[in-house]
Amino acid sequence: MTDIRLIAVDMDGTLLDGEGRIPDELWGLLDELHERGILFAPSSGRQLATLQAAFADAPADEMIYIAENGAYVVHGDAEVSSDALDPEFVARLVGHLRGLVSRGCDLGVVVCGKRSAYIERADAAFRAESEKYYEKLRIVDDLLAHDDQVLKVAVYDFGAAEQTAPELAEFRDGHQVVVSGEHWIDVMNLGVNKGVALERLQRALGIDRSQTAAFGDYLNDLELLDAAGHSYAMANAHPEVLARARFQAPSNREHGVLTTIRSFLD
């Protein structure tokens, strides 16, 4: 058996199957991991509440969540780390995004707080995309009229995120602009990513990089893979991810995460 004590797993395109569901076989595997003292950490751009709802069938005190692309990490009920954006920066960014929309860009903006996510675009198409990732979601008249700590600003582009990301180049000075999916762009503090979150978690748990496995498929998983001694790109991964990871796992449609984890236990 490989000496793995911590497994960090991206969700979309990685753990979730072709229909966007958690494979039923995972629940029994989580029990086996717990029996062997191996920790399991879903690692996603999704909101903490969304991840907790997805894993409601797992014992809450055993779960670790790397949420909001690393801006918020929780182990059981305890916060491991968080990294909030400056309110003045959020106001400037939201103003810029509103300007892009007024120029015809088909965008929706999610201000991601610790307590809830907030949207002011309320059409059914954007709500449907937002609700996939944000269990706690409030429609508001003004994205800036709240007293929450903002962990991330997420932008949904109904076109292609990689084409719109250059419009946010001015915000890269001191912050990150990350294409986290075909349609999503995340803006976070500089130095916030899944990999930094995983490193903080390793220190908190006393677990070495060599005892950590990570799985991912997209650009926002690159640092997560770098932080793990056993890094796996899914067969369906972005070419940069395939080039960066040490190993390749079968595709998410083939339940490649589960197959590979089972090989650790043999």
C-alpha atoms as a PDB file:
ATOM      1  CA  MET A   1       0.000   0.000   0.000  1.00  0.00           C
ATOM      2  CA  THR A   2       1.253   3.481  -0.926  1.00  0.00           C
ATOM      3  CA  ASP A   3       1.889   5.690   2.143  1.00  0.00           C
ATOM      4  CA  ILE A   4      -0.880   8.205   1.447  1.00  0.00           C
ATOM      5  CA  ARG A   5      -2.434  10.118   4.343  1.00  0.00           C
ATOM      6  CA  LEU A   6      -4.243  12.928   2.503  1.00  0.00           C
ATOM      7  CA  ILE A   7      -6.110  12.933  -0.823  1.00  0.00           C
ATOM      8  CA  ALA A   8      -7.199  16.250  -2.386  1.00  0.00           C
ATOM      9  CA  VAL A   9      -9.664  15.933  -5.249  1.00  0.00           C
ATOM     10  CA  ASP A  10     -11.092  18.504  -7.644  1.00  0.00           C
ATOM     11  CA  MET A  11     -14.805  18.153  -8.370  1.00  0.00           C
ATOM     12  CA  ASP A  12     -15.926  19.081 -11.913  1.00  0.00           C
ATOM     13  CA  GLY A  13     -14.237  17.016 -14.593  1.00  0.00           C
ATOM     14  CA  THR A  14     -12.379  15.040 -11.933  1.00  0.00           C
ATOM     15  CA  LEU A  15     -14.437  13.371  -9.193  1.00  0.00           C
ATOM     16  CA  LEU A  16     -17.855  14.061 -10.707  1.00  0.00           C
ATOM     17  CA  ASP A  17     -18.953  11.733 -13.492  1.00  0.00           C
ATOM     18  CA  GLY A  18     -20.088  12.712 -16.968  1.00  0.00           C
ATOM     19  CA  GLU A  19     -23.493  13.740 -15.608  1.00  0.00           C
ATOM     20  CA  GLY A  20     -21.965  15.918 -12.895  1.00  0.00           C
ATOM     21  CA  ARG A  21     -22.729  13.482 -10.080  1.00  0.00           C
ATOM     22  CA  ILE A  22     -20.639  11.978  -7.296  1.00  0.00           C
ATOM     23  CA  PRO A  23     -20.235   8.265  -8.093  1.00  0.00           C
ATOM     24  CA  ASP A  24     -22.226   6.105  -5.685  1.00  0.00           C
ATOM     25  CA  GLU A  25     -19.160   3.963  -5.056  1.00  0.00           C
ATOM     26  CA  LEU A  26     -17.421   6.866  -3.324  1.00  0.00           C
ATOM     27  CA  TRP A  27     -19.377   6.546  -0.069  1.00  0.00           C
ATOM     28  CA  GLY A  28     -18.108   3.055   0.727  1.00  0.00           C
ATOM     29  CA  LEU A  29     -14.613   4.102  -0.299  1.00  0.00           C
ATOM     30  CA  LEU A  30     -14.730   7.043   2.133  1.00  0.00           C
ATOM     31  CA  ASP A  31     -15.514   4.595   4.949  1.00  0.00           C
ATOM     32  CA  GLU A  32     -12.491   2.520   3.988  1.00  0.00           C
ATOM     33  CA  LEU A  33     -10.258   5.593   3.830  1.00  0.00           C
ATOM     34  CA  HIS A  34     -11.428   6.635   7.301  1.00  0.00           C
ATOM     35  CA  GLU A  35     -10.686   3.164   8.692  1.00  0.00           C
ATOM     36  CA  ARG A  36      -7.135   3.469   7.364  1.00  0.00           C
ATOM     37  CA  GLY A  37      -6.617   7.000   8.673  1.00  0.00           C
ATOM     38  CA  ILE A  38      -6.543   8.621   5.224  1.00  0.00           C
ATOM     39  CA  LEU A  39      -8.129  12.073   4.968  1.00  0.00           C
ATOM     40  CA  PHE A  40     -10.216  13.120   1.962  1.00  0.00           C
ATOM     41  CA  ALA A  41     -10.453  16.741   0.866  1.00  0.00           C
ATOM     42  CA  PRO A  42     -12.769  17.900  -1.948  1.00  0.00           C
ATOM     43  CA  SER A  43     -10.984  20.873  -3.528  1.00  0.00           C
ATOM     44  CA  SER A  44     -13.065  23.174  -5.642  1.00  0.00           C
ATOM     45  CA  GLY A  45     -13.987  26.637  -6.772  1.00  0.00           C
ATOM     46  CA  ARG A  46     -17.354  25.863  -5.236  1.00  0.00           C
ATOM     47  CA  GLN A  47     -18.713  27.469  -2.096  1.00  0.00           C
ATOM     48  CA  LEU A  48     -18.159  25.735   1.242  1.00  0.00           C
ATOM     49  CA  ALA A  49     -21.908  25.290   1.764  1.00  0.00           C
ATOM     50  CA  THR A  50     -22.209  23.666  -1.674  1.00  0.00           C
ATOM     51  CA  LEU A  51     -19.449  21.181  -0.914  1.00  0.00           C
ATOM     52  CA  GLN A  52     -20.945  20.394   2.483  1.00  0.00           C
ATOM     53  CA  ALA A  53     -24.333  19.737   0.871  1.00  0.00           C
ATOM     54  CA  ALA A  54     -22.759  17.464  -1.748  1.00  0.00           C
ATOM     55  CA  PHE A  55     -21.058  15.420   0.989  1.00  0.00           C
ATOM     56  CA  ALA A  56     -23.949  15.472   3.456  1.00  0.00           C
ATOM     57  CA  ASP A  57     -23.853  11.660   3.631  1.00  0.00           C
ATOM     58  CA  ALA A  58     -20.259  11.692   4.891  1.00  0.00           C
ATOM     59  CA  PRO A  59     -19.473  12.190   8.627  1.00  0.00           C
ATOM     60  CA  ALA A  60     -19.099  15.976   8.989  1.00  0.00           C
ATOM     61  CA  ASP A  61     -16.226  15.829  11.482  1.00  0.00           C
ATOM     62  CA  GLU A  62     -14.103  13.709   9.131  1.00  0.00           C
ATOM     63  CA  MET A  63     -14.385  15.932   6.070  1.00  0.00           C
ATOM     64  CA  ILE A  64     -11.938  18.571   4.913  1.00  0.00           C
ATOM     65  CA  TYR A  65     -13.000  21.157   2.349  1.00  0.00           C
ATOM     66  CA  ILE A  66     -10.792  23.345   0.181  1.00  0.00           C
ATOM     67  CA  ALA A  67     -13.449  25.781  -1.052  1.00  0.00           C
ATOM     68  CA  GLU A  68     -13.498  28.902  -3.241  1.00  0.00           C
ATOM     69  CA  ASN A  69     -10.369  27.746  -5.107  1.00  0.00           C
ATOM     70  CA  GLY A  70      -8.384  27.719  -1.873  1.00  0.00           C
ATOM     71  CA  ALA A  71      -9.613  30.941  -0.274  1.00  0.00           C
ATOM     72  CA  TYR A  72     -11.466  29.022   2.463  1.00  0.00           C
ATOM     73  CA  VAL A  73     -10.330  25.769   4.117  1.00  0.00           C
ATOM     74  CA  VAL A  74     -12.305  23.973   6.810  1.00  0.00           C
ATOM     75  CA  HIS A  75     -11.674  20.729   8.710  1.00  0.00           C
ATOM     76  CA  GLY A  76     -14.876  19.550  10.352  1.00  0.00           C
ATOM     77  CA  ASP A  77     -16.270  22.665  12.052  1.00  0.00           C
ATOM     78  CA  ALA A  78     -12.877  24.379  12.375  1.00  0.00           C
ATOM     79  CA  GLU A  79     -11.495  26.957   9.964  1.00  0.00           C
ATOM     80  CA  VAL A  80      -7.972  26.115   8.845  1.00  0.00           C
ATOM     81  CA  SER A  81      -7.452  29.244   6.741  1.00  0.00           C
ATOM     82  CA  SER A  82      -9.256  31.992   4.848  1.00  0.00           C
ATOM     83  CA  ASP A  83      -8.172  34.933   2.720  1.00  0.00           C
ATOM     84  CA  ALA A  84     -10.619  37.806   2.195  1.00  0.00           C
ATOM     85  CA  LEU A  85     -10.432  40.495  -0.483  1.00  0.00           C
ATOM     86  CA  ASP A  86     -10.173  44.182   0.405  1.00  0.00           C
ATOM     87  CA  PRO A  87     -13.640  45.823   0.112  1.00  0.00           C
ATOM     88  CA  GLU A  88     -12.272  48.750  -1.927  1.00  0.00           C
ATOM     89  CA  PHE A  89     -10.772  46.337  -4.431  1.00  0.00           C
ATOM     90  CA  VAL A  90     -14.065  44.455  -4.694  1.00  0.00           C
ATOM     91  CA  ALA A  91     -15.896  47.720  -5.395  1.00  0.00           C
ATOM     92  CA  ARG A  92     -13.427  48.655  -8.149  1.00  0.00           C
ATOM     93  CA  LEU A  93     -13.614  45.205  -9.744  1.00  0.00           C
ATOM     94  CA  VAL A  94     -17.418  45.083  -9.658  1.00  0.00           C
ATOM     95  CA  GLY A  95     -17.541  48.533 -11.245  1.00  0.00           C
ATOM     96  CA  HIS A  96     -15.257  47.377 -14.047  1.00  0.00           C
ATOM     97  CA  LEU A  97     -17.355  44.261 -14.649  1.00  0.00           C
ATOM     98  CA  ARG A  98     -20.532  46.317 -14.775  1.00  0.00           C
ATOM     99  CA  GLY A  99     -18.797  48.422 -17.430  1.00  0.00           C
ATOM    100  CA  LEU A 100     -18.015  45.336 -19.520  1.00  0.00           C
ATOM    101  CA  VAL A 101     -21.655  44.289 -19.321  1.00  0.00           C
ATOM    102  CA  SER A 102     -22.780  47.756 -20.449  1.00  0.00           C
ATOM    103  CA  ARG A 103     -20.481  47.354 -23.478  1.00  0.00           C
ATOM    104  CA  GLY A 104     -22.240  44.134 -24.453  1.00  0.00           C
ATOM    105  CA  CYS A 105     -20.259  41.388 -22.719  1.00  0.00           C
ATOM    106  CA  ASP A 106     -22.610  38.588 -21.693  1.00  0.00           C
ATOM    107  CA  LEU A 107     -21.344  38.175 -18.135  1.00  0.00           C
ATOM    108  CA  GLY A 108     -22.760  37.372 -14.729  1.00  0.00           C
ATOM    109  CA  VAL A 109     -20.943  38.256 -11.509  1.00  0.00           C
ATOM    110  CA  VAL A 110     -20.963  36.347  -8.217  1.00  0.00           C
ATOM    111  CA  VAL A 111     -19.555  38.029  -5.120  1.00  0.00           C
ATOM    112  CA  CYS A 112     -18.551  35.090  -2.929  1.00  0.00           C
ATOM    113  CA  GLY A 113     -18.752  35.782   0.791  1.00  0.00           C
ATOM    114  CA  LYS A 114     -18.151  33.530   3.762  1.00  0.00           C
ATOM    115  CA  ARG A 115     -21.833  33.491   4.696  1.00  0.00           C
ATOM    116  CA  SER A 116     -23.400  33.573   1.237  1.00  0.00           C
ATOM    117  CA  ALA A 117     -22.826  34.309  -2.428  1.00  0.00           C
ATOM    118  CA  TYR A 118     -24.496  37.364  -3.983  1.00  0.00           C
ATOM    119  CA  ILE A 119     -25.736  38.049  -7.512  1.00  0.00           C
ATOM    120  CA  GLU A 120     -27.634  40.974  -9.016  1.00  0.00           C
ATOM    121  CA  ARG A 121     -28.220  39.455 -12.453  1.00  0.00           C
ATOM    122  CA  ALA A 122     -31.385  37.430 -11.937  1.00  0.00           C
ATOM    123  CA  ASP A 123     -32.271  35.804 -15.284  1.00  0.00           C
ATOM    124  CA  ALA A 124     -32.939  32.065 -15.250  1.00  0.00           C
ATOM    125  CA  ALA A 125     -29.887  31.125 -17.340  1.00  0.00           C
ATOM    126  CA  PHE A 126     -27.403  32.807 -15.005  1.00  0.00           C
ATOM    127  CA  ARG A 127     -29.195  31.659 -11.858  1.00  0.00           C
ATOM    128  CA  ALA A 128     -29.031  28.075 -13.131  1.00  0.00           C
ATOM    129  CA  GLU A 129     -25.256  28.287 -13.611  1.00  0.00           C
ATOM    130  CA  SER A 130     -24.721  29.988 -10.253  1.00  0.00           C
ATOM    131  CA  GLU A 131     -26.879  27.542  -8.323  1.00  0.00           C
ATOM    132  CA  LYS A 132     -24.668  24.653  -9.442  1.00  0.00           C
ATOM    133  CA  TYR A 133     -21.829  26.045  -7.341  1.00  0.00           C
ATOM    134  CA  TYR A 134     -23.472  28.192  -4.665  1.00  0.00           C
ATOM    135  CA  GLU A 135     -25.832  26.463  -2.260  1.00  0.00           C
ATOM    136  CA  LYS A 136     -26.253  29.710  -0.341  1.00  0.00           C
ATOM    137  CA  LEU A 137     -27.110  32.313  -2.975  1.00  0.00           C
ATOM    138  CA  ARG A 138     -28.876  35.644  -2.552  1.00  0.00           C
ATOM    139  CA  ILE A 139     -30.217  37.883  -5.314  1.00  0.00           C
ATOM    140  CA  VAL A 140     -29.558  41.483  -4.328  1.00  0.00           C
ATOM    141  CA  ASP A 141     -30.092  44.928  -5.858  1.00  0.00           C
ATOM    142  CA  ASP A 142     -26.452  45.868  -5.272  1.00  0.00           C
ATOM    143  CA  LEU A 143     -23.540  43.414  -5.167  1.00  0.00           C
ATOM    144  CA  LEU A 144     -21.729  45.702  -2.745  1.00  0.00           C
ATOM    145  CA  ALA A 145     -24.562  46.183  -0.226  1.00  0.00           C
ATOM    146  CA  HIS A 146     -23.629  43.535   2.356  1.00  0.00           C
ATOM    147  CA  ASP A 147     -21.322  43.189   5.362  1.00  0.00           C
ATOM    148  CA  ASP A 148     -19.861  39.777   4.462  1.00  0.00           C
ATOM    149  CA  GLN A 149     -16.161  38.988   4.040  1.00  0.00           C
ATOM    150  CA  VAL A 150     -15.571  38.472   0.320  1.00  0.00           C
ATOM    151  CA  LEU A 151     -13.338  35.517  -0.494  1.00  0.00           C
ATOM    152  CA  LYS A 152     -13.587  35.627  -4.270  1.00  0.00           C
ATOM    153  CA  VAL A 153     -15.344  37.335  -7.165  1.00  0.00           C
ATOM    154  CA  ALA A 154     -16.447  34.838  -9.810  1.00  0.00           C
ATOM    155  CA  VAL A 155     -17.392  35.835 -13.345  1.00  0.00           C
ATOM    156  CA  TYR A 156     -19.500  33.613 -15.593  1.00  0.00           C
ATOM    157  CA  ASP A 157     -18.950  34.270 -19.287  1.00  0.00           C
ATOM    158  CA  PHE A 158     -21.650  32.875 -21.553  1.00  0.00           C
ATOM    159  CA  GLY A 159     -19.011  32.920 -24.294  1.00  0.00           C
ATOM    160  CA  ALA A 160     -15.462  31.752 -23.526  1.00  0.00           C
ATOM    161  CA  ALA A 161     -13.713  32.666 -20.280  1.00  0.00           C
ATOM    162  CA  GLU A 162     -10.221  32.456 -21.796  1.00  0.00           C
ATOM    163  CA  GLN A 163     -11.174  35.199 -24.276  1.00  0.00           C
ATOM    164  CA  THR A 164     -12.611  37.522 -21.628  1.00  0.00           C
ATOM    165  CA  ALA A 165      -9.871  37.080 -19.014  1.00  0.00           C
ATOM    166  CA  PRO A 166      -7.564  39.626 -20.751  1.00  0.00           C
ATOM    167  CA  GLU A 167     -10.221  42.292 -20.073  1.00  0.00           C
ATOM    168  CA  LEU A 168      -9.308  41.891 -16.395  1.00  0.00           C
ATOM    169  CA  ALA A 169      -5.550  42.267 -16.895  1.00  0.00           C
ATOM    170  CA  GLU A 170      -5.386  45.493 -14.865  1.00  0.00           C
ATOM    171  CA  PHE A 171      -6.456  43.563 -11.768  1.00  0.00           C
ATOM    172  CA  ARG A 172      -3.516  41.163 -11.921  1.00  0.00           C
ATOM    173  CA  ASP A 173      -1.339  43.628 -10.010  1.00  0.00           C
ATOM    174  CA  GLY A 174      -1.646  42.232  -6.497  1.00  0.00           C
ATOM    175  CA  HIS A 175      -4.431  39.800  -7.345  1.00  0.00           C
ATOM    176  CA  GLN A 176      -5.036  36.645  -9.328  1.00  0.00           C
ATOM    177  CA  VAL A 177      -7.291  36.338 -12.342  1.00  0.00           C
ATOM    178  CA  VAL A 178      -7.758  32.597 -12.874  1.00  0.00           C
ATOM    179  CA  VAL A 179      -9.662  30.831 -15.640  1.00  0.00           C
ATOM    180  CA  SER A 180     -11.247  28.063 -13.556  1.00  0.00           C
ATOM    181  CA  GLY A 181     -13.454  26.497 -16.212  1.00  0.00           C
ATOM    182  CA  GLU A 182     -14.665  26.913 -19.771  1.00  0.00           C
ATOM    183  CA  HIS A 183     -16.974  29.737 -18.700  1.00  0.00           C
ATOM    184  CA  TRP A 184     -15.702  30.799 -15.256  1.00  0.00           C
ATOM    185  CA  ILE A 185     -13.076  33.327 -14.167  1.00  0.00           C
ATOM    186  CA  ASP A 186     -12.146  33.702 -10.495  1.00  0.00           C
ATOM    187  CA  VAL A 187     -10.506  36.786  -8.984  1.00  0.00           C
ATOM    188  CA  MET A 188      -8.771  36.284  -5.645  1.00  0.00           C
ATOM    189  CA  ASN A 189      -5.927  37.675  -3.595  1.00  0.00           C
ATOM    190  CA  LEU A 190      -2.432  37.041  -4.861  1.00  0.00           C
ATOM    191  CA  GLY A 191      -1.073  33.783  -3.497  1.00  0.00           C
ATOM    192  CA  VAL A 192      -4.496  32.205  -3.033  1.00  0.00           C
ATOM    193  CA  ASN A 193      -4.955  28.941  -4.873  1.00  0.00           C
ATOM    194  CA  LYS A 194      -5.724  25.319  -4.157  1.00  0.00           C
ATOM    195  CA  GLY A 195      -2.031  24.508  -3.848  1.00  0.00           C
ATOM    196  CA  VAL A 196      -1.315  27.111  -1.161  1.00  0.00           C
ATOM    197  CA  ALA A 197      -4.432  25.899   0.655  1.00  0.00           C
ATOM    198  CA  LEU A 198      -3.202  22.318   0.471  1.00  0.00           C
ATOM    199  CA  GLU A 199       0.217  23.327   1.819  1.00  0.00           C
ATOM    200  CA  ARG A 200      -1.426  25.122   4.770  1.00  0.00           C
ATOM    201  CA  LEU A 201      -3.501  22.027   5.393  1.00  0.00           C
ATOM    202  CA  GLN A 202      -0.444  19.778   5.277  1.00  0.00           C
ATOM    203  CA  ARG A 203       1.282  21.949   7.892  1.00  0.00           C
ATOM    204  CA  ALA A 204      -1.800  21.998  10.123  1.00  0.00           C
ATOM    205  CA  LEU A 205      -2.130  18.213   9.956  1.00  0.00           C
ATOM    206  CA  GLY A 206       1.574  17.344  10.064  1.00  0.00           C
ATOM    207  CA  ILE A 207       1.342  15.560   6.718  1.00  0.00           C
ATOM    208  CA  ASP A 208       4.204  15.629   4.225  1.00  0.00           C
ATOM    209  CA  ARG A 209       3.928  16.382   0.505  1.00  0.00           C
ATOM    210  CA  SER A 210       5.127  12.829  -0.171  1.00  0.00           C
ATOM    211  CA  GLN A 211       2.099  11.519   1.752  1.00  0.00           C
ATOM    212  CA  THR A 212      -0.361  13.550  -0.314  1.00  0.00           C
ATOM    213  CA  ALA A 213      -2.187  12.665  -3.521  1.00  0.00           C
ATOM    214  CA  ALA A 214      -4.073  15.166  -5.664  1.00  0.00           C
ATOM    215  CA  PHE A 215      -6.318  14.876  -8.704  1.00  0.00           C
ATOM    216  CA  GLY A 216      -7.314  17.602 -11.156  1.00  0.00           C
ATOM    217  CA  ASP A 217      -8.301  18.396 -14.707  1.00  0.00           C
ATOM    218  CA  TYR A 218      -8.207  22.160 -15.261  1.00  0.00           C
ATOM    219  CA  LEU A 219      -5.920  25.190 -14.990  1.00  0.00           C
ATOM    220  CA  ASN A 220      -7.030  26.088 -11.458  1.00  0.00           C
ATOM    221  CA  ASP A 221      -5.754  22.659 -10.346  1.00  0.00           C
ATOM    222  CA  LEU A 222      -2.134  23.195 -11.392  1.00  0.00           C
ATOM    223  CA  GLU A 223      -0.885  24.424  -8.000  1.00  0.00           C
ATOM    224  CA  LEU A 224      -2.888  21.710  -6.229  1.00  0.00           C
ATOM    225  CA  LEU A 225      -1.016  19.097  -8.236  1.00  0.00           C
ATOM    226  CA  ASP A 226       2.317  20.825  -7.555  1.00  0.00           C
ATOM    227  CA  ALA A 227       1.716  20.558  -3.803  1.00  0.00           C
ATOM    228  CA  ALA A 228       1.242  16.778  -3.873  1.00  0.00           C
ATOM    229  CA  GLY A 229       3.935  14.157  -4.222  1.00  0.00           C
ATOM    230  CA  HIS A 230       1.429  11.954  -6.056  1.00  0.00           C
ATOM    231  CA  SER A 231      -0.169  14.237  -8.657  1.00  0.00           C
ATOM    232  CA  TYR A 232      -2.718  12.888 -11.139  1.00  0.00           C
ATOM    233  CA  ALA A 233      -4.178  14.556 -14.198  1.00  0.00           C
ATOM    234  CA  MET A 234      -7.391  13.065 -15.464  1.00  0.00           C
ATOM    235  CA  ALA A 235      -7.259  11.628 -18.985  1.00  0.00           C
ATOM    236  CA  ASN A 236      -9.782  14.319 -19.959  1.00  0.00           C
ATOM    237  CA  ALA A 237      -7.633  17.132 -18.487  1.00  0.00           C
ATOM    238  CA  HIS A 238      -6.483  20.374 -20.103  1.00  0.00           C
ATOM    239  CA  PRO A 239      -3.162  19.848 -21.963  1.00  0.00           C
ATOM    240  CA  GLU A 240      -1.252  22.013 -19.460  1.00  0.00           C
ATOM    241  CA  VAL A 241      -2.533  19.876 -16.599  1.00  0.00           C
ATOM    242  CA  LEU A 242      -1.564  16.667 -18.382  1.00  0.00           C
ATOM    243  CA  ALA A 243       1.930  18.071 -18.879  1.00  0.00           C
ATOM    244  CA  ARG A 244       2.316  19.203 -15.257  1.00  0.00           C
ATOM    245  CA  ALA A 245       1.093  16.133 -13.337  1.00  0.00           C
ATOM    246  CA  ARG A 246       3.403  13.234 -12.550  1.00  0.00           C
ATOM    247  CA  PHE A 247       0.777  10.606 -13.376  1.00  0.00           C
ATOM    248  CA  GLN A 248      -2.418  10.204 -15.378  1.00  0.00           C
ATOM    249  CA  ALA A 249      -5.688   8.739 -14.106  1.00  0.00           C
ATOM    250  CA  PRO A 250      -8.557   7.431 -16.236  1.00  0.00           C
ATOM    251  CA  SER A 251     -11.169  10.040 -17.164  1.00  0.00           C
ATOM    252  CA  ASN A 252     -13.902  11.222 -14.826  1.00  0.00           C
ATOM    253  CA  ARG A 253     -16.411   9.332 -16.990  1.00  0.00           C
ATOM    254  CA  GLU A 254     -14.499   6.160 -16.121  1.00  0.00           C
ATOM    255  CA  HIS A 255     -14.452   7.047 -12.400  1.00  0.00           C
ATOM    256  CA  GLY A 256     -10.693   7.433 -12.618  1.00  0.00           C
ATOM    257  CA  VAL A 257     -10.330   8.969  -9.144  1.00  0.00           C
ATOM    258  CA  LEU A 258     -11.979   5.973  -7.485  1.00  0.00           C
ATOM    259  CA  THR A 259      -9.975   3.476  -9.539  1.00  0.00           C
ATOM    260  CA  THR A 260      -6.702   5.162  -8.622  1.00  0.00           C
ATOM    261  CA  ILE A 261      -7.534   5.516  -4.925  1.00  0.00           C
ATOM    262  CA  ARG A 262      -8.376   1.821  -4.790  1.00  0.00           C
ATOM    263  CA  SER A 263      -4.920   1.083  -6.175  1.00  0.00           C
ATOM    264  CA  PHE A 264      -3.457   2.963  -3.181  1.00  0.00           C
ATOM    265  CA  LEU A 265      -5.293   0.626  -0.825  1.00  0.00           C
ATOM    266  CA  ASP A 266      -4.207  -2.642  -2.428  1.00  0.00           C
END
